[in-house]
C-alpha atoms as a PDB file:
ATOM      1  CA  MET A   1      84.052  29.287   6.526  1.00  0.00           C
ATOM      2  CA  LYS A   2      82.084  27.532   3.818  1.00  0.00           C
ATOM      3  CA  ASN A   3      78.778  28.649   2.276  1.00  0.00           C
ATOM      4  CA  ILE A   4      75.678  26.083   2.866  1.00  0.00           C
ATOM      5  CA  ASP A   5      74.843  27.352  -0.632  1.00  0.00           C
ATOM      6  CA  ASN A   6      78.037  25.282  -2.148  1.00  0.00           C
ATOM      7  CA  LEU A   7      77.054  22.405  -0.069  1.00  0.00           C
ATOM      8  CA  VAL A   8      75.917  20.049  -2.786  1.00  0.00           C
ATOM      9  CA  LYS A   9      78.666  21.007  -5.273  1.00  0.00           C
ATOM     10  CA  ASP A  10      81.016  20.517  -2.307  1.00  0.00           C
ATOM     11  CA  ILE A  11      80.250  17.221  -1.731  1.00  0.00           C
ATOM     12  CA  TYR A  12      80.315  16.221  -4.995  1.00  0.00           C
ATOM     13  CA  GLU A  13      83.659  17.513  -5.647  1.00  0.00           C
ATOM     14  CA  VAL A  14      84.906  15.622  -2.454  1.00  0.00           C
ATOM     15  CA  ILE A  15      83.915  12.501  -3.737  1.00  0.00           C
ATOM     16  CA  ASN A  16      85.444  12.727  -6.960  1.00  0.00           C
ATOM     17  CA  GLU A  17      88.477  13.872  -6.153  1.00  0.00           C
ATOM     18  CA  GLY A  18      89.052  11.822  -2.853  1.00  0.00           C
ATOM     19  CA  THR A  19      90.334  13.373   0.389  1.00  0.00           C
ATOM     20  CA  GLU A  20      91.783  12.282   3.757  1.00  0.00           C
ATOM     21  CA  VAL A  21      88.654  11.381   6.234  1.00  0.00           C
ATOM     22  CA  HIS A  22      89.359  12.942   9.481  1.00  0.00           C
ATOM     23  CA  GLU A  23      89.383  10.264  12.646  1.00  0.00           C
ATOM     24  CA  GLU A  24      86.171  12.030  14.607  1.00  0.00           C
ATOM     25  CA  ASP A  25      84.257  12.187  11.368  1.00  0.00           C
ATOM     26  CA  MET A  26      84.935   8.653  10.654  1.00  0.00           C
ATOM     27  CA  GLN A  27      84.394   7.573  14.629  1.00  0.00           C
ATOM     28  CA  PHE A  28      81.303   9.655  14.363  1.00  0.00           C
ATOM     29  CA  PHE A  29      79.471   7.824  11.359  1.00  0.00           C
ATOM     30  CA  LEU A  30      80.880   4.448  12.674  1.00  0.00           C
ATOM     31  CA  ASP A  31      79.060   5.114  16.236  1.00  0.00           C
ATOM     32  CA  PHE A  32      75.662   5.851  14.403  1.00  0.00           C
ATOM     33  CA  ILE A  33      75.784   2.632  12.545  1.00  0.00           C
ATOM     34  CA  ARG A  34      76.405   0.421  15.835  1.00  0.00           C
ATOM     35  CA  ASP A  35      73.815   2.286  17.957  1.00  0.00           C
ATOM     36  CA  GLU A  36      71.336   2.392  14.950  1.00  0.00           C
ATOM     37  CA  THR A  37      71.972  -1.670  14.300  1.00  0.00           C
ATOM     38  CA  THR A  38      71.574  -2.351  17.854  1.00  0.00           C
ATOM     39  CA  ARG A  39      68.570  -0.351  18.169  1.00  0.00           C
ATOM     40  CA  PHE A  40      67.525  -2.412  14.982  1.00  0.00           C
ATOM     41  CA  PHE A  41      67.644  -6.026  16.432  1.00  0.00           C
ATOM     42  CA  SER A  42      66.665  -4.549  20.052  1.00  0.00           C
ATOM     43  CA  LYS A  43      63.549  -6.743  21.184  1.00  0.00           C
ATOM     44  CA  GLU A  44      63.237  -4.021  23.633  1.00  0.00           C
ATOM     45  CA  GLU A  45      62.242  -1.790  20.749  1.00  0.00           C
ATOM     46  CA  ARG A  46      59.704  -3.585  19.237  1.00  0.00           C
ATOM     47  CA  SER A  47      58.024  -4.448  22.708  1.00  0.00           C
ATOM     48  CA  ARG A  48      58.014  -0.676  23.087  1.00  0.00           C
ATOM     49  CA  GLY A  49      54.720   1.395  22.415  1.00  0.00           C
ATOM     50  CA  ARG A  50      54.662   4.825  21.591  1.00  0.00           C
ATOM     51  CA  LYS A  51      52.262   6.644  22.915  1.00  0.00           C
ATOM     52  CA  PRO A  52      50.546   9.030  20.365  1.00  0.00           C
ATOM     53  CA  SER A  53      51.521  12.678  21.028  1.00  0.00           C
ATOM     54  CA  ILE A  54      52.026  15.934  19.258  1.00  0.00           C
ATOM     55  CA  ARG A  55      55.681  15.940  18.553  1.00  0.00           C
ATOM     56  CA  MET A  56      57.900  18.911  16.328  1.00  0.00           C
ATOM     57  CA  SER A  57      58.526  15.928  13.711  1.00  0.00           C
ATOM     58  CA  ASN A  58      54.148  15.583  12.973  1.00  0.00           C
ATOM     59  CA  ILE A  59      52.953  19.046  13.435  1.00  0.00           C
ATOM     60  CA  GLY A  60      52.658  19.287   9.577  1.00  0.00           C
ATOM     61  CA  LYS A  61      50.512  15.902   9.347  1.00  0.00           C
ATOM     62  CA  GLU A  62      46.903  16.616   8.487  1.00  0.00           C
ATOM     63  CA  ALA A  63      44.648  16.955  11.320  1.00  0.00           C
ATOM     64  CA  ARG A  64      42.182  14.103  10.833  1.00  0.00           C
ATOM     65  CA  LYS A  65      45.016  11.912  10.216  1.00  0.00           C
ATOM     66  CA  MET A  66      46.428  12.953  13.937  1.00  0.00           C
ATOM     67  CA  TRP A  67      43.457  12.634  15.095  1.00  0.00           C
ATOM     68  CA  TYR A  68      43.200   8.680  13.877  1.00  0.00           C
ATOM     69  CA  ASP A  69      46.330   8.493  15.274  1.00  0.00           C
ATOM     70  CA  PHE A  70      44.823   9.426  18.673  1.00  0.00           C
ATOM     71  CA  TYR A  71      41.679   7.835  19.353  1.00  0.00           C
ATOM     72  CA  GLU A  72      41.324   4.751  16.811  1.00  0.00           C
ATOM     73  CA  PRO A  73      44.719   3.637  16.168  1.00  0.00           C
ATOM     74  CA  ILE A  74      45.579   0.868  14.118  1.00  0.00           C
ATOM     75  CA  ASP A  75      47.481  -1.509  15.790  1.00  0.00           C
ATOM     76  CA  ARG A  76      49.926  -3.946  13.280  1.00  0.00           C
ATOM     77  CA  ASP A  77      53.634  -4.973  13.990  1.00  0.00           C
ATOM     78  CA  LEU A  78      56.232  -3.458  11.095  1.00  0.00           C
ATOM     79  CA  LYS A  79      56.716  -5.910   8.419  1.00  0.00           C
ATOM     80  CA  PRO A  80      60.672  -6.509   7.939  1.00  0.00           C
ATOM     81  CA  ASN A  81      60.798  -5.118   4.441  1.00  0.00           C
ATOM     82  CA  GLU A  82      59.191  -2.047   6.284  1.00  0.00           C
ATOM     83  CA  ARG A  83      61.856  -1.989   9.100  1.00  0.00           C
ATOM     84  CA  ILE A  84      64.504  -2.259   6.443  1.00  0.00           C
ATOM     85  CA  LYS A  85      63.589   0.712   4.597  1.00  0.00           C
ATOM     86  CA  PHE A  86      63.177   2.939   7.565  1.00  0.00           C
ATOM     87  CA  PHE A  87      66.679   1.441   9.281  1.00  0.00           C
ATOM     88  CA  TYR A  88      68.479   2.473   5.504  1.00  0.00           C
ATOM     89  CA  GLY A  89      66.454   5.713   5.403  1.00  0.00           C
ATOM     90  CA  HIS A  90      67.751   6.451   8.937  1.00  0.00           C
ATOM     91  CA  MET A  91      71.559   5.444   7.525  1.00  0.00           C
ATOM     92  CA  LEU A  92      71.387   7.416   4.535  1.00  0.00           C
ATOM     93  CA  GLU A  93      70.781  10.385   6.584  1.00  0.00           C
ATOM     94  CA  ALA A  94      73.550   9.936   8.797  1.00  0.00           C
ATOM     95  CA  PHE A  95      75.437   9.696   5.704  1.00  0.00           C
ATOM     96  CA  LEU A  96      74.346  12.860   4.551  1.00  0.00           C
ATOM     97  CA  LEU A  97      76.108  14.484   7.624  1.00  0.00           C
ATOM     98  CA  PHE A  98      79.154  12.953   7.497  1.00  0.00           C
ATOM     99  CA  LEU A  99      79.788  13.619   3.602  1.00  0.00           C
ATOM    100  CA  CYS A 100      79.021  17.369   5.155  1.00  0.00           C
ATOM    101  CA  LYS A 101      81.983  16.971   7.703  1.00  0.00           C
ATOM    102  CA  VAL A 102      84.159  15.293   4.956  1.00  0.00           C
ATOM    103  CA  ALA A 103      83.604  17.986   3.061  1.00  0.00           C
ATOM    104  CA  ASN A 104      84.662  20.610   5.443  1.00  0.00           C
ATOM    105  CA  HIS A 105      81.486  22.194   6.272  1.00  0.00           C
ATOM    106  CA  ASP A 106      80.750  23.546   9.724  1.00  0.00           C
ATOM    107  CA  VAL A 107      78.256  20.774  10.966  1.00  0.00           C
ATOM    108  CA  ARG A 108      77.508  20.953  14.878  1.00  0.00           C
ATOM    109  CA  ASP A 109      74.264  21.000  17.283  1.00  0.00           C
ATOM    110  CA  MET A 110      73.571  17.313  15.811  1.00  0.00           C
ATOM    111  CA  GLN A 111      70.303  15.621  17.471  1.00  0.00           C
ATOM    112  CA  ARG A 112      70.052  19.096  19.619  1.00  0.00           C
ATOM    113  CA  GLU A 113      66.818  19.068  21.296  1.00  0.00           C
ATOM    114  CA  VAL A 114      64.917  22.238  20.796  1.00  0.00           C
ATOM    115  CA  GLU A 115      61.210  23.249  22.589  1.00  0.00           C
ATOM    116  CA  LEU A 116      58.604  25.543  21.137  1.00  0.00           C
ATOM    117  CA  ASN A 117      55.217  26.372  22.567  1.00  0.00           C
ATOM    118  CA  GLY A 118      55.655  23.213  25.027  1.00  0.00           C
ATOM    119  CA  ILE A 119      56.606  20.957  21.949  1.00  0.00           C
ATOM    120  CA  LYS A 120      60.330  18.732  22.429  1.00  0.00           C
ATOM    121  CA  GLY A 121      61.846  17.886  19.144  1.00  0.00           C
ATOM    122  CA  HIS A 122      65.336  17.334  17.583  1.00  0.00           C
ATOM    123  CA  ILE A 123      66.919  18.959  15.111  1.00  0.00           C
ATOM    124  CA  ASP A 124      69.541  16.773  12.545  1.00  0.00           C
ATOM    125  CA  ALA A 125      72.113  19.619  12.608  1.00  0.00           C
ATOM    126  CA  VAL A 126      73.201  23.066  12.218  1.00  0.00           C
ATOM    127  CA  ILE A 127      75.384  23.260   8.776  1.00  0.00           C
ATOM    128  CA  ASP A 128      77.353  26.578   8.026  1.00  0.00           C
ATOM    129  CA  GLY A 129      74.773  28.430  10.602  1.00  0.00           C
ATOM    130  CA  VAL A 130      71.830  27.133   8.863  1.00  0.00           C
ATOM    131  CA  VAL A 131      69.275  24.461  10.996  1.00  0.00           C
ATOM    132  CA  THR A 132      69.354  21.874   8.475  1.00  0.00           C
ATOM    133  CA  ASP A 133      67.123  18.730   8.461  1.00  0.00           C
ATOM    134  CA  ALA A 134      68.591  15.597   6.195  1.00  0.00           C
ATOM    135  CA  LYS A 135      65.352  13.437   4.645  1.00  0.00           C
ATOM    136  CA  SER A 136      66.058  10.579   2.189  1.00  0.00           C
ATOM    137  CA  SER A 137      63.333  10.172   0.063  1.00  0.00           C
ATOM    138  CA  SER A 138      61.965   8.443  -2.989  1.00  0.00           C
ATOM    139  CA  SER A 139      62.288   9.597  -6.365  1.00  0.00           C
ATOM    140  CA  TYR A 140      58.926  11.176  -6.844  1.00  0.00           C
ATOM    141  CA  GLY A 141      59.387  12.732  -3.056  1.00  0.00           C
ATOM    142  CA  PHE A 142      62.961  13.860  -4.095  1.00  0.00           C
ATOM    143  CA  ARG A 143      61.942  16.110  -7.219  1.00  0.00           C
ATOM    144  CA  LYS A 144      59.885  17.958  -4.211  1.00  0.00           C
ATOM    145  CA  PHE A 145      63.277  19.233  -3.043  1.00  0.00           C
ATOM    146  CA  ASP A 146      65.234  19.488  -6.136  1.00  0.00           C
ATOM    147  CA  ARG A 147      62.654  21.405  -8.081  1.00  0.00           C
ATOM    148  CA  GLY A 148      61.203  23.560  -4.885  1.00  0.00           C
ATOM    149  CA  GLU A 149      57.667  21.706  -5.232  1.00  0.00           C
ATOM    150  CA  LEU A 150      57.356  21.642  -1.628  1.00  0.00           C
ATOM    151  CA  PHE A 151      55.921  24.738  -0.452  1.00  0.00           C
ATOM    152  CA  THR A 152      52.789  23.434  -2.744  1.00  0.00           C
ATOM    153  CA  ASN A 153      52.752  19.710  -2.448  1.00  0.00           C
ATOM    154  CA  ASP A 154      54.248  18.581   1.208  1.00  0.00           C
ATOM    155  CA  PRO A 155      52.102  15.739   2.530  1.00  0.00           C
ATOM    156  CA  PHE A 156      54.350  14.471   5.050  1.00  0.00           C
ATOM    157  CA  GLY A 157      54.667  18.284   6.483  1.00  0.00           C
ATOM    158  CA  TYR A 158      58.175  18.802   6.238  1.00  0.00           C
ATOM    159  CA  VAL A 159      57.832  22.526   5.844  1.00  0.00           C
ATOM    160  CA  TYR A 160      55.803  23.074   9.352  1.00  0.00           C
ATOM    161  CA  GLN A 161      58.987  20.666  10.933  1.00  0.00           C
ATOM    162  CA  ILE A 162      61.441  23.070   9.613  1.00  0.00           C
ATOM    163  CA  SER A 163      59.165  26.161  10.527  1.00  0.00           C
ATOM    164  CA  GLY A 164      59.335  24.555  14.017  1.00  0.00           C
ATOM    165  CA  TYR A 165      63.106  24.166  14.362  1.00  0.00           C
ATOM    166  CA  MET A 166      63.728  27.410  12.843  1.00  0.00           C
ATOM    167  CA  GLN A 167      61.509  29.103  15.464  1.00  0.00           C
ATOM    168  CA  ALA A 168      62.521  27.352  18.431  1.00  0.00           C
ATOM    169  CA  MET A 169      66.108  28.190  17.556  1.00  0.00           C
ATOM    170  CA  ASP A 170      65.171  32.077  16.558  1.00  0.00           C
ATOM    171  CA  MET A 171      66.893  31.694  13.204  1.00  0.00           C
ATOM    172  CA  ASP A 172      65.714  33.075   9.986  1.00  0.00           C
ATOM    173  CA  ARG A 173      67.066  30.580   7.769  1.00  0.00           C
ATOM    174  CA  GLY A 174      66.638  26.765   7.438  1.00  0.00           C
ATOM    175  CA  ALA A 175      67.357  24.060   4.659  1.00  0.00           C
ATOM    176  CA  PHE A 176      66.539  20.615   3.692  1.00  0.00           C
ATOM    177  CA  LEU A 177      69.566  18.069   2.396  1.00  0.00           C
ATOM    178  CA  ALA A 178      67.803  15.274   0.705  1.00  0.00           C
ATOM    179  CA  ILE A 179      69.009  12.377  -1.370  1.00  0.00           C
ATOM    180  CA  ASP A 180      67.184  10.321  -3.773  1.00  0.00           C
ATOM    181  CA  LYS A 181      67.299   6.714  -2.326  1.00  0.00           C
ATOM    182  CA  GLN A 182      67.075   5.120  -5.770  1.00  0.00           C
ATOM    183  CA  TYR A 183      69.869   7.392  -7.926  1.00  0.00           C
ATOM    184  CA  GLY A 184      72.088   8.696  -4.982  1.00  0.00           C
ATOM    185  CA  ASP A 185      71.121  11.992  -5.989  1.00  0.00           C
ATOM    186  CA  LEU A 186      71.534  15.121  -3.681  1.00  0.00           C
ATOM    187  CA  ALA A 187      69.802  18.790  -3.464  1.00  0.00           C
ATOM    188  CA  LEU A 188      69.930  21.207  -1.163  1.00  0.00           C
ATOM    189  CA  LEU A 189      66.339  23.012  -0.690  1.00  0.00           C
ATOM    190  CA  PRO A 190      66.767  26.766   1.209  1.00  0.00           C
ATOM    191  CA  ILE A 191      63.781  27.591   3.513  1.00  0.00           C
ATOM    192  CA  GLU A 192      64.151  31.541   4.159  1.00  0.00           C
ATOM    193  CA  GLU A 193      61.836  33.240   7.051  1.00  0.00           C
ATOM    194  CA  MET A 194      59.364  34.144   3.961  1.00  0.00           C
ATOM    195  CA  ASP A 195      58.813  30.467   3.454  1.00  0.00           C
ATOM    196  CA  THR A 196      58.302  29.577   6.911  1.00  0.00           C
ATOM    197  CA  LEU A 197      54.539  28.677   8.672  1.00  0.00           C
ATOM    198  CA  ASP A 198      53.298  29.793  12.233  1.00  0.00           C
ATOM    199  CA  ALA A 199      54.424  26.348  13.753  1.00  0.00           C
ATOM    200  CA  SER A 200      53.378  27.736  17.766  1.00  0.00           C
ATOM    201  CA  LYS A 201      49.657  28.961  15.983  1.00  0.00           C
ATOM    202  CA  ARG A 202      49.903  25.246  14.509  1.00  0.00           C
ATOM    203  CA  ILE A 203      50.190  23.545  17.921  1.00  0.00           C
ATOM    204  CA  ASP A 204      47.319  25.658  19.534  1.00  0.00           C
ATOM    205  CA  GLU A 205      45.014  24.380  16.624  1.00  0.00           C
ATOM    206  CA  LEU A 206      45.746  20.964  16.984  1.00  0.00           C
ATOM    207  CA  ARG A 207      45.678  20.716  20.786  1.00  0.00           C
ATOM    208  CA  ASP A 208      42.011  22.154  20.237  1.00  0.00           C
ATOM    209  CA  ILE A 209      41.088  19.361  17.532  1.00  0.00           C
ATOM    210  CA  LEU A 210      42.357  16.692  19.893  1.00  0.00           C
ATOM    211  CA  ALA A 211      40.760  18.013  22.674  1.00  0.00           C
ATOM    212  CA  ASN A 212      37.497  16.482  21.294  1.00  0.00           C
ATOM    213  CA  LYS A 213      37.617  12.876  21.465  1.00  0.00           C
ATOM    214  CA  LYS A 214      34.309  11.751  19.924  1.00  0.00           C
ATOM    215  CA  GLU A 215      34.673  13.222  16.493  1.00  0.00           C
ATOM    216  CA  PRO A 216      37.428  13.910  14.038  1.00  0.00           C
ATOM    217  CA  PRO A 217      37.938  17.272  12.109  1.00  0.00           C
ATOM    218  CA  GLU A 218      37.004  17.774   8.336  1.00  0.00           C
ATOM    219  CA  ARG A 219      38.688  15.177   5.748  1.00  0.00           C
ATOM    220  CA  CYS A 220      41.587  15.887   4.743  1.00  0.00           C
ATOM    221  CA  TYR A 221      41.052  15.370   0.594  1.00  0.00           C
ATOM    222  CA  ASP A 222      37.948  14.806  -1.274  1.00  0.00           C
ATOM    223  CA  ASP A 223      37.563  11.650  -3.255  1.00  0.00           C
ATOM    224  CA  GLU A 224      38.035  12.027  -7.259  1.00  0.00           C
ATOM    225  CA  ILE A 225      34.855  11.190  -9.860  1.00  0.00           C
ATOM    226  CA  GLU A 226      35.628   9.056 -12.644  1.00  0.00           C
ATOM    227  CA  ASP A 227      34.407   9.260 -16.213  1.00  0.00           C
ATOM    228  CA  ASN A 228      31.685   6.519 -15.820  1.00  0.00           C
ATOM    229  CA  GLY A 229      30.439   8.006 -12.598  1.00  0.00           C
ATOM    230  CA  ASN A 230      32.784   6.095 -10.221  1.00  0.00           C
ATOM    231  CA  ARG A 231      34.313   8.066  -7.210  1.00  0.00           C
ATOM    232  CA  SER A 232      37.854   6.949  -6.087  1.00  0.00           C
ATOM    233  CA  LEU A 233      40.604   7.676  -3.014  1.00  0.00           C
ATOM    234  CA  GLY A 234      43.486  10.337  -4.760  1.00  0.00           C
ATOM    235  CA  SER A 235      46.791   9.331  -4.344  1.00  0.00           C
ATOM    236  CA  GLU A 236      46.764  11.036  -0.965  1.00  0.00           C
ATOM    237  CA  CYS A 237      44.063   9.081   0.789  1.00  0.00           C
ATOM    238  CA  ARG A 238      45.434   5.729  -0.631  1.00  0.00           C
ATOM    239  CA  TRP A 239      48.454   4.897   1.486  1.00  0.00           C
ATOM    240  CA  CYS A 240      46.716   6.493   4.309  1.00  0.00           C
ATOM    241  CA  ASN A 241      46.469   3.393   7.451  1.00  0.00           C
ATOM    242  CA  HIS A 242      43.277   4.959   8.473  1.00  0.00           C
ATOM    243  CA  LYS A 243      40.872   4.955   5.441  1.00  0.00           C
ATOM    244  CA  TYR A 244      38.873   2.661   5.918  1.00  0.00           C
ATOM    245  CA  ASN A 245      37.971   4.173   9.206  1.00  0.00           C
ATOM    246  CA  CYS A 246      37.975   7.700   7.832  1.00  0.00           C
ATOM    247  CA  TRP A 247      35.617   6.429   4.921  1.00  0.00           C
ATOM    248  CA  SER A 248      33.410   4.201   6.215  1.00  0.00           C
ATOM    249  CA  ASP A 249      30.014   6.222   5.350  1.00  0.00           C
ATOM    250  CA  ALA A 250      31.417   5.404   2.001  1.00  0.00           C
ATOM    251  CA  ASN A 251      29.203   3.463  -0.289  1.00  0.00           C
ATOM    252  CA  LYS A 252      25.740   4.346   1.346  1.00  0.00           C
ATOM    253  CA  GLY A 253      26.884   3.239   4.696  1.00  0.00           C
ATOM    254  CA  GLU A 254      29.244  -0.009   3.445  1.00  0.00           C
ATOM    255  CA  GLY A 255      32.396   1.333   4.002  1.00  0.00           C
ATOM    256  CA  LEU A 256      35.093   1.513   1.259  1.00  0.00           C
ATOM    257  CA  ARG A 257      35.012  -0.986  -1.779  1.00  0.00           C
ATOM    258  CA  THR A 258      38.055  -2.467  -2.753  1.00  0.00           C
ATOM    259  CA  PHE A 259      39.471  -3.284  -6.396  1.00  0.00           C
ATOM    260  CA  ASN A 260      42.393  -5.509  -7.286  1.00  0.00           C
ATOM    261  CA  TYR A 261      43.923  -3.510 -10.689  1.00  0.00           C
ATOM    262  CA  SER A 262      46.949  -4.477 -12.660  1.00  0.00           C
ATOM    263  CA  ARG A 263      49.040  -1.653 -11.071  1.00  0.00           C
ATOM    264  CA  GLY A 264      47.690  -1.925  -7.678  1.00  0.00           C
ATOM    265  CA  TYR A 265      44.603  -1.604  -5.220  1.00  0.00           C
ATOM    266  CA  ARG A 266      41.849   1.030  -5.912  1.00  0.00           C
ATOM    267  CA  TYR A 267      39.563   2.587  -3.168  1.00  0.00           C
ATOM    268  CA  PHE A 268      35.996   3.333  -3.999  1.00  0.00           C
ATOM    269  CA  THR A 269      33.872   5.620  -2.383  1.00  0.00           C
ATOM    270  CA  HIS A 270      30.671   5.140  -4.855  1.00  0.00           C
ATOM    271  CA  VAL A 271      30.648   2.753  -7.406  1.00  0.00           C
ATOM    272  CA  ALA A 272      28.026   3.246 -10.142  1.00  0.00           C
ATOM    273  CA  ARG A 273      29.732   0.951 -12.878  1.00  0.00           C
ATOM    274  CA  GLU A 274      31.311  -2.132 -11.398  1.00  0.00           C
ATOM    275  CA  PRO A 275      35.006  -2.654 -12.429  1.00  0.00           C
ATOM    276  CA  ARG A 276      35.521  -5.667 -14.504  1.00  0.00           C
ATOM    277  CA  VAL A 277      38.307  -6.325 -12.073  1.00  0.00           C
ATOM    278  CA  GLU A 278      38.577  -8.986  -8.670  1.00  0.00           C
ATOM    279  CA  GLU A 279      37.006  -7.283  -5.681  1.00  0.00           C
ATOM    280  CA  ILE A 280      39.180  -7.335  -2.217  1.00  0.00           C
ATOM    281  CA  LEU A 281      36.808  -8.669   0.211  1.00  0.00           C
END
């Protein structure tokens, strides 16, 4: 039996040297392409609203973000480019599992449903006896997997997610198999039991927080002070859909002020000195 620690090396070797692809492995990937493409164009999928809930995939999300998801949701349709990004992200993650199969590693329990503390989720696969989550990522995000930085910088809560899968399956080893969407590089980040977080306890904490429908929990991050006395949102908050609601008390109750800089919008919580760029009203 092959060892998951050699997975990336084995995948690179089989890509370089070539191999015969088993019919059942090819069928797995072709079936996924068909199903995902059908879902991509489905009118039913667009009309079906998804009620917010605690899921294994989101238990690591910041509690304040989740509170806003539940009680002050932002209703908007995905733009075409956003749908395409999600589509090829799913395709790349399936392709990763396909590559594992082609490299003759043991891949089983794909999309198996698991449950922890009343919360259900679906693992990507168990590879060589290790519960494994496939991730497609930007080059910036990929570095966290490649360099092991995810444990100290995990805004999407991936470590809680894999911890939940491991605890639900009573496994002491997990792993992330990541692909850089821009350059095609692969990385394996092993997760040992000592690296895991208490996912069951986290689920209880979220239930308690979400029981309060009137007031969100404290903010996830502070704003950042600049040399000129202005204060603005950091990178963790700039991309959040809930930033305007979350910071409605900014600028003495006027809310966030948004300015169009050459590198994109910046969001100010306090303006001591007016920026010399266009304000977006």
